[in-house]
Amino acid sequence: MNGLQPWLAPYAAYLMRFFPELRVTSVYRSYSEQLELWRNRARNPYPVAPPGRSYHGYGRAWDAVGPIESLQRAGAIWESWGGTWGGRIGDPIHFQA
């Protein structure tokens, strides 16, 4: 969970310990990394925010891949803690606060 805001990292790490089948694939993204994703968004199966509008750029989001059932359960728990899960907008791999 390197790259997350210090106040957020312990919560995210705690959640991911419940789901060892999930693998974190992206945390912090620089402006240029987000720009590259934005430019190639037509080939991305998940929604991509423009640079400056992604919570990844602020260390407040992470993506995880794994079985959809696990993502849904993790998303429900994350939301019960006050976080936002991207599964509500077609982005089941995205978690943010």
C-alpha atoms as a PDB file:
ATOM      1  CA  MET A   1       0.000   0.000   0.000  1.00  0.00           C
ATOM      2  CA  ASN A   2       2.979   2.260  -0.522  1.00  0.00           C
ATOM      3  CA  GLY A   3       1.831   5.491  -2.056  1.00  0.00           C
ATOM      4  CA  LEU A   4      -1.368   5.888  -0.058  1.00  0.00           C
ATOM      5  CA  GLN A   5      -1.803   8.776   2.332  1.00  0.00           C
ATOM      6  CA  PRO A   6      -0.434   7.805   5.768  1.00  0.00           C
ATOM      7  CA  TRP A   7      -3.864   8.088   7.395  1.00  0.00           C
ATOM      8  CA  LEU A   8      -5.434   5.807   4.752  1.00  0.00           C
ATOM      9  CA  ALA A   9      -2.827   3.081   4.318  1.00  0.00           C
ATOM     10  CA  PRO A  10      -3.569   1.166   7.554  1.00  0.00           C
ATOM     11  CA  TYR A  11      -7.292   0.913   6.736  1.00  0.00           C
ATOM     12  CA  ALA A  12      -6.640  -0.260   3.182  1.00  0.00           C
ATOM     13  CA  ALA A  13      -4.027  -2.789   4.315  1.00  0.00           C
ATOM     14  CA  TYR A  14      -6.374  -4.102   7.004  1.00  0.00           C
ATOM     15  CA  LEU A  15      -9.143  -4.588   4.436  1.00  0.00           C
ATOM     16  CA  MET A  16      -6.854  -6.364   1.976  1.00  0.00           C
ATOM     17  CA  ARG A  17      -5.706  -8.817   4.676  1.00  0.00           C
ATOM     18  CA  PHE A  18      -9.267 -10.178   4.705  1.00  0.00           C
ATOM     19  CA  PHE A  19      -8.995 -10.929   0.985  1.00  0.00           C
ATOM     20  CA  PRO A  20      -5.643 -12.606   0.233  1.00  0.00           C
ATOM     21  CA  GLU A  21      -6.961 -13.605  -3.197  1.00  0.00           C
ATOM     22  CA  LEU A  22      -7.000  -9.919  -4.205  1.00  0.00           C
ATOM     23  CA  ARG A  23      -3.818  -8.363  -5.566  1.00  0.00           C
ATOM     24  CA  VAL A  24      -3.223  -4.615  -5.409  1.00  0.00           C
ATOM     25  CA  THR A  25      -2.133  -3.415  -8.857  1.00  0.00           C
ATOM     26  CA  SER A  26      -2.068   0.366  -8.609  1.00  0.00           C
ATOM     27  CA  VAL A  27      -1.875   2.923  -5.833  1.00  0.00           C
ATOM     28  CA  TYR A  28      -0.345   6.367  -6.420  1.00  0.00           C
ATOM     29  CA  ARG A  29      -0.143   7.552 -10.031  1.00  0.00           C
ATOM     30  CA  SER A  30       1.764  10.585 -11.206  1.00  0.00           C
ATOM     31  CA  TYR A  31       0.155  13.125 -13.506  1.00  0.00           C
ATOM     32  CA  SER A  32       2.005  11.649 -16.493  1.00  0.00           C
ATOM     33  CA  GLU A  33       0.979   8.066 -15.610  1.00  0.00           C
ATOM     34  CA  GLN A  34      -2.649   9.150 -15.340  1.00  0.00           C
ATOM     35  CA  LEU A  35      -2.354  11.062 -18.613  1.00  0.00           C
ATOM     36  CA  GLU A  36      -1.105   7.921 -20.358  1.00  0.00           C
ATOM     37  CA  LEU A  37      -4.074   5.934 -19.016  1.00  0.00           C
ATOM     38  CA  TRP A  38      -6.423   8.740 -20.073  1.00  0.00           C
ATOM     39  CA  ARG A  39      -5.012   8.790 -23.601  1.00  0.00           C
ATOM     40  CA  ASN A  40      -5.494   5.020 -23.865  1.00  0.00           C
ATOM     41  CA  ARG A  41      -8.849   4.857 -22.087  1.00  0.00           C
ATOM     42  CA  ALA A  42     -10.613   3.427 -25.166  1.00  0.00           C
ATOM     43  CA  ARG A  43      -8.611   0.223 -24.653  1.00  0.00           C
ATOM     44  CA  ASN A  44      -9.187   0.090 -20.900  1.00  0.00           C
ATOM     45  CA  PRO A  45     -12.134  -1.999 -19.677  1.00  0.00           C
ATOM     46  CA  TYR A  46     -12.482   0.262 -16.605  1.00  0.00           C
ATOM     47  CA  PRO A  47     -13.342   3.968 -16.342  1.00  0.00           C
ATOM     48  CA  VAL A  48     -10.356   6.318 -16.309  1.00  0.00           C
ATOM     49  CA  ALA A  49     -10.445   9.803 -14.798  1.00  0.00           C
ATOM     50  CA  PRO A  50      -8.561  12.604 -16.523  1.00  0.00           C
ATOM     51  CA  PRO A  51      -5.277  13.727 -14.956  1.00  0.00           C
ATOM     52  CA  GLY A  52      -5.832  15.843 -11.878  1.00  0.00           C
ATOM     53  CA  ARG A  53      -9.253  14.274 -11.209  1.00  0.00           C
ATOM     54  CA  SER A  54      -8.152  10.791 -10.152  1.00  0.00           C
ATOM     55  CA  TYR A  55      -7.831  10.051  -6.461  1.00  0.00           C
ATOM     56  CA  HIS A  56      -4.788   7.938  -7.362  1.00  0.00           C
ATOM     57  CA  GLY A  57      -2.891  11.193  -7.954  1.00  0.00           C
ATOM     58  CA  TYR A  58      -3.550  12.232  -4.363  1.00  0.00           C
ATOM     59  CA  GLY A  59      -2.646   8.913  -2.749  1.00  0.00           C
ATOM     60  CA  ARG A  60      -6.294   8.323  -1.860  1.00  0.00           C
ATOM     61  CA  ALA A  61      -7.092   5.349  -4.128  1.00  0.00           C
ATOM     62  CA  TRP A  62      -5.928   1.875  -5.040  1.00  0.00           C
ATOM     63  CA  ASP A  63      -6.917  -0.794  -7.539  1.00  0.00           C
ATOM     64  CA  ALA A  64      -7.032  -4.514  -6.786  1.00  0.00           C
ATOM     65  CA  VAL A  65      -7.748  -7.470  -9.057  1.00  0.00           C
ATOM     66  CA  GLY A  66      -9.187 -10.862  -8.237  1.00  0.00           C
ATOM     67  CA  PRO A  67     -12.462 -12.758  -8.209  1.00  0.00           C
ATOM     68  CA  ILE A  68     -15.447 -10.466  -8.685  1.00  0.00           C
ATOM     69  CA  GLU A  69     -17.158 -11.972  -5.642  1.00  0.00           C
ATOM     70  CA  SER A  70     -14.213 -10.972  -3.461  1.00  0.00           C
ATOM     71  CA  LEU A  71     -14.131  -7.485  -4.951  1.00  0.00           C
ATOM     72  CA  GLN A  72     -17.834  -7.111  -4.212  1.00  0.00           C
ATOM     73  CA  ARG A  73     -17.436  -8.262  -0.615  1.00  0.00           C
ATOM     74  CA  ALA A  74     -14.395  -6.032  -0.082  1.00  0.00           C
ATOM     75  CA  GLY A  75     -16.286  -3.140  -1.687  1.00  0.00           C
ATOM     76  CA  ALA A  76     -19.254  -3.620   0.637  1.00  0.00           C
ATOM     77  CA  ILE A  77     -16.984  -3.601   3.684  1.00  0.00           C
ATOM     78  CA  TRP A  78     -15.082  -0.570   2.401  1.00  0.00           C
ATOM     79  CA  GLU A  79     -18.329   1.322   1.880  1.00  0.00           C
ATOM     80  CA  SER A  80     -19.541   0.360   5.373  1.00  0.00           C
ATOM     81  CA  TRP A  81     -16.388   2.062   6.677  1.00  0.00           C
ATOM     82  CA  GLY A  82     -17.229   5.244   4.759  1.00  0.00           C
ATOM     83  CA  GLY A  83     -15.059   4.651   1.681  1.00  0.00           C
ATOM     84  CA  THR A  84     -16.111   4.710  -1.951  1.00  0.00           C
ATOM     85  CA  TRP A  85     -16.033   1.552  -4.057  1.00  0.00           C
ATOM     86  CA  GLY A  86     -15.878   1.907  -7.825  1.00  0.00           C
ATOM     87  CA  GLY A  87     -18.119  -1.092  -8.397  1.00  0.00           C
ATOM     88  CA  ARG A  88     -21.063   1.304  -8.162  1.00  0.00           C
ATOM     89  CA  ILE A  89     -19.900   2.996 -11.398  1.00  0.00           C
ATOM     90  CA  GLY A  90     -18.602  -0.006 -13.341  1.00  0.00           C
ATOM     91  CA  ASP A  91     -15.088   0.030 -11.860  1.00  0.00           C
ATOM     92  CA  PRO A  92     -15.040  -2.927  -9.421  1.00  0.00           C
ATOM     93  CA  ILE A  93     -11.256  -2.840  -8.997  1.00  0.00           C
ATOM     94  CA  HIS A  94     -11.238   0.735  -7.611  1.00  0.00           C
ATOM     95  CA  PHE A  95     -11.306   1.751  -3.944  1.00  0.00           C
ATOM     96  CA  GLN A  96     -10.949   5.323  -2.686  1.00  0.00           C
ATOM     97  CA  ALA A  97     -11.406   7.577   0.306  1.00  0.00           C
END
